[in-house]
Amino acid sequence: MMLTEIKDPRVRLASISRVRVSPDLREAWLAVSALGDDPDRQKVVDGLGHAEGYLRAQLGRRLENLRSVPRLHFELDESIAYSVRVSTLLRDLAGEGAAEVVVEVPE
């Protein structure tokens, strides 16, 4: 639905990575994963917030067994950015360690 039906270009590189729903099904918190730097990723969340009414209407049509469609709250998922940062740090550490290791070959 996000790729084909929402026309906002800010939403194109986004994916929903996690959804939490309140016990009464009236609220839903969606963790959004997006590519780009922090301002671009925040624009994705803002674009989805702007499209909340449209998304709720589409969900209402598709999930006809629900009494009410949950209110959607979009939040930025930092887990992918965090794992990229950790991976970069580990790669940097491995590169530094390799440069400092001196191999002695006995004669």
C-alpha atoms as a PDB file:
ATOM      1  CA  MET A   1       0.000   0.000   0.000  1.00  0.00           C
ATOM      2  CA  MET A   2       2.829   2.402   0.836  1.00  0.00           C
ATOM      3  CA  LEU A   3       4.674   1.758  -2.415  1.00  0.00           C
ATOM      4  CA  THR A   4       1.769   1.720  -4.825  1.00  0.00           C
ATOM      5  CA  GLU A   5      -0.989   3.898  -3.395  1.00  0.00           C
ATOM      6  CA  ILE A   6       0.651   6.758  -1.496  1.00  0.00           C
ATOM      7  CA  LYS A   7       1.799   9.444  -3.907  1.00  0.00           C
ATOM      8  CA  ASP A   8       4.021  11.312  -1.423  1.00  0.00           C
ATOM      9  CA  PRO A   9       7.658  10.902  -2.589  1.00  0.00           C
ATOM     10  CA  ARG A  10       8.912  11.103   1.011  1.00  0.00           C
ATOM     11  CA  VAL A  11       7.373   7.702   1.744  1.00  0.00           C
ATOM     12  CA  ARG A  12       8.963   5.783  -1.137  1.00  0.00           C
ATOM     13  CA  LEU A  13      12.010   4.472   0.752  1.00  0.00           C
ATOM     14  CA  ALA A  14      10.217   3.473   3.931  1.00  0.00           C
ATOM     15  CA  SER A  15       9.151   0.195   5.443  1.00  0.00           C
ATOM     16  CA  ILE A  16       7.234  -0.705   8.582  1.00  0.00           C
ATOM     17  CA  SER A  17       9.527  -2.726  10.831  1.00  0.00           C
ATOM     18  CA  ARG A  18       7.344  -3.178  13.922  1.00  0.00           C
ATOM     19  CA  VAL A  19       3.743  -2.592  14.994  1.00  0.00           C
ATOM     20  CA  ARG A  20       2.405  -2.349  18.539  1.00  0.00           C
ATOM     21  CA  VAL A  21      -1.345  -2.240  19.084  1.00  0.00           C
ATOM     22  CA  SER A  22      -3.171  -1.165  22.224  1.00  0.00           C
ATOM     23  CA  PRO A  23      -5.262  -3.852  23.979  1.00  0.00           C
ATOM     24  CA  ASP A  24      -8.512  -2.195  22.850  1.00  0.00           C
ATOM     25  CA  LEU A  25      -7.232  -1.949  19.226  1.00  0.00           C
ATOM     26  CA  ARG A  26      -7.873   1.808  19.109  1.00  0.00           C
ATOM     27  CA  GLU A  27      -4.216   2.881  18.839  1.00  0.00           C
ATOM     28  CA  ALA A  28      -1.332   1.477  16.806  1.00  0.00           C
ATOM     29  CA  TRP A  29       2.315   2.535  16.949  1.00  0.00           C
ATOM     30  CA  LEU A  30       4.242   1.797  13.787  1.00  0.00           C
ATOM     31  CA  ALA A  31       8.044   1.805  13.769  1.00  0.00           C
ATOM     32  CA  VAL A  32       9.226   3.144  10.422  1.00  0.00           C
ATOM     33  CA  SER A  33      12.568   2.216   8.938  1.00  0.00           C
ATOM     34  CA  ALA A  34      13.882   4.535   6.229  1.00  0.00           C
ATOM     35  CA  LEU A  35      17.068   5.130   4.295  1.00  0.00           C
ATOM     36  CA  GLY A  36      18.958   8.404   4.362  1.00  0.00           C
ATOM     37  CA  ASP A  37      20.278  10.808   6.951  1.00  0.00           C
ATOM     38  CA  ASP A  38      18.304  11.968  10.008  1.00  0.00           C
ATOM     39  CA  PRO A  39      16.408  14.871   8.346  1.00  0.00           C
ATOM     40  CA  ASP A  40      15.374  12.660   5.409  1.00  0.00           C
ATOM     41  CA  ARG A  41      14.224   9.888   7.716  1.00  0.00           C
ATOM     42  CA  GLN A  42      12.199  12.355   9.772  1.00  0.00           C
ATOM     43  CA  LYS A  43      10.567  13.588   6.549  1.00  0.00           C
ATOM     44  CA  VAL A  44       9.433  10.006   5.905  1.00  0.00           C
ATOM     45  CA  VAL A  45       7.756   9.864   9.326  1.00  0.00           C
ATOM     46  CA  ASP A  46       6.167  13.279   8.713  1.00  0.00           C
ATOM     47  CA  GLY A  47       4.893  12.127   5.309  1.00  0.00           C
ATOM     48  CA  LEU A  48       3.292   9.048   6.822  1.00  0.00           C
ATOM     49  CA  GLY A  49       1.733  11.171   9.550  1.00  0.00           C
ATOM     50  CA  HIS A  50       0.306  13.406   6.844  1.00  0.00           C
ATOM     51  CA  ALA A  51      -1.179  10.335   5.100  1.00  0.00           C
ATOM     52  CA  GLU A  52      -2.684   8.881   8.305  1.00  0.00           C
ATOM     53  CA  GLY A  53      -6.282   9.625   7.292  1.00  0.00           C
ATOM     54  CA  TYR A  54      -5.842   7.971   3.922  1.00  0.00           C
ATOM     55  CA  LEU A  55      -4.114   4.946   5.459  1.00  0.00           C
ATOM     56  CA  ARG A  56      -6.845   4.550   8.079  1.00  0.00           C
ATOM     57  CA  ALA A  57      -9.524   4.709   5.385  1.00  0.00           C
ATOM     58  CA  GLN A  58      -7.737   2.015   3.370  1.00  0.00           C
ATOM     59  CA  LEU A  59      -7.302  -0.168   6.452  1.00  0.00           C
ATOM     60  CA  GLY A  60     -10.992   0.271   7.271  1.00  0.00           C
ATOM     61  CA  ARG A  61     -11.945  -1.036   3.846  1.00  0.00           C
ATOM     62  CA  ARG A  62      -9.541  -3.966   4.024  1.00  0.00           C
ATOM     63  CA  LEU A  63     -10.053  -4.952   7.688  1.00  0.00           C
ATOM     64  CA  GLU A  64     -13.820  -5.044   7.732  1.00  0.00           C
ATOM     65  CA  ASN A  65     -13.989  -7.262  10.811  1.00  0.00           C
ATOM     66  CA  LEU A  66     -12.660  -4.469  13.077  1.00  0.00           C
ATOM     67  CA  ARG A  67     -15.194  -2.351  14.912  1.00  0.00           C
ATOM     68  CA  SER A  68     -13.003   0.729  14.607  1.00  0.00           C
ATOM     69  CA  VAL A  69      -9.797   1.413  12.721  1.00  0.00           C
ATOM     70  CA  PRO A  70      -6.902   2.184  15.063  1.00  0.00           C
ATOM     71  CA  ARG A  71      -5.360   5.640  15.187  1.00  0.00           C
ATOM     72  CA  LEU A  72      -1.887   5.376  13.660  1.00  0.00           C
ATOM     73  CA  HIS A  73       1.205   6.799  15.363  1.00  0.00           C
ATOM     74  CA  PHE A  74       4.411   6.719  13.336  1.00  0.00           C
ATOM     75  CA  GLU A  75       7.800   6.671  15.034  1.00  0.00           C
ATOM     76  CA  LEU A  76      11.277   6.387  13.604  1.00  0.00           C
ATOM     77  CA  ASP A  77      12.888   2.968  14.049  1.00  0.00           C
ATOM     78  CA  GLU A  78      16.476   3.567  15.075  1.00  0.00           C
ATOM     79  CA  SER A  79      17.464  -0.111  15.198  1.00  0.00           C
ATOM     80  CA  ILE A  80      18.785  -0.301  11.630  1.00  0.00           C
ATOM     81  CA  ALA A  81      20.784   2.927  11.989  1.00  0.00           C
ATOM     82  CA  TYR A  82      22.139   1.616  15.287  1.00  0.00           C
ATOM     83  CA  SER A  83      23.198  -1.706  13.787  1.00  0.00           C
ATOM     84  CA  VAL A  84      24.891   0.073  10.852  1.00  0.00           C
ATOM     85  CA  ARG A  85      26.792   2.252  13.323  1.00  0.00           C
ATOM     86  CA  VAL A  86      27.899  -0.768  15.386  1.00  0.00           C
ATOM     87  CA  SER A  87      28.950  -2.607  12.229  1.00  0.00           C
ATOM     88  CA  THR A  88      30.989   0.405  11.088  1.00  0.00           C
ATOM     89  CA  LEU A  89      32.689   0.661  14.475  1.00  0.00           C
ATOM     90  CA  LEU A  90      33.538  -3.050  14.490  1.00  0.00           C
ATOM     91  CA  ARG A  91      34.898  -2.835  10.957  1.00  0.00           C
ATOM     92  CA  ASP A  92      37.040   0.164  11.945  1.00  0.00           C
ATOM     93  CA  LEU A  93      38.332  -1.676  14.994  1.00  0.00           C
ATOM     94  CA  ALA A  94      39.181  -4.724  12.937  1.00  0.00           C
ATOM     95  CA  GLY A  95      41.047  -2.554  10.426  1.00  0.00           C
ATOM     96  CA  GLU A  96      43.057  -0.842  13.173  1.00  0.00           C
ATOM     97  CA  GLY A  97      43.855  -4.138  14.860  1.00  0.00           C
ATOM     98  CA  ALA A  98      45.114  -5.628  11.607  1.00  0.00           C
ATOM     99  CA  ALA A  99      47.420  -2.666  11.057  1.00  0.00           C
ATOM    100  CA  GLU A 100      48.917  -2.954  14.533  1.00  0.00           C
ATOM    101  CA  VAL A 101      49.560  -6.681  14.549  1.00  0.00           C
ATOM    102  CA  VAL A 102      53.142  -7.575  13.738  1.00  0.00           C
ATOM    103  CA  VAL A 103      53.746 -11.147  12.705  1.00  0.00           C
ATOM    104  CA  GLU A 104      57.166 -12.517  13.572  1.00  0.00           C
ATOM    105  CA  VAL A 105      58.394 -15.435  11.559  1.00  0.00           C
ATOM    106  CA  PRO A 106      61.085 -17.531  13.287  1.00  0.00           C
ATOM    107  CA  GLU A 107      64.159 -18.207  11.200  1.00  0.00           C
END
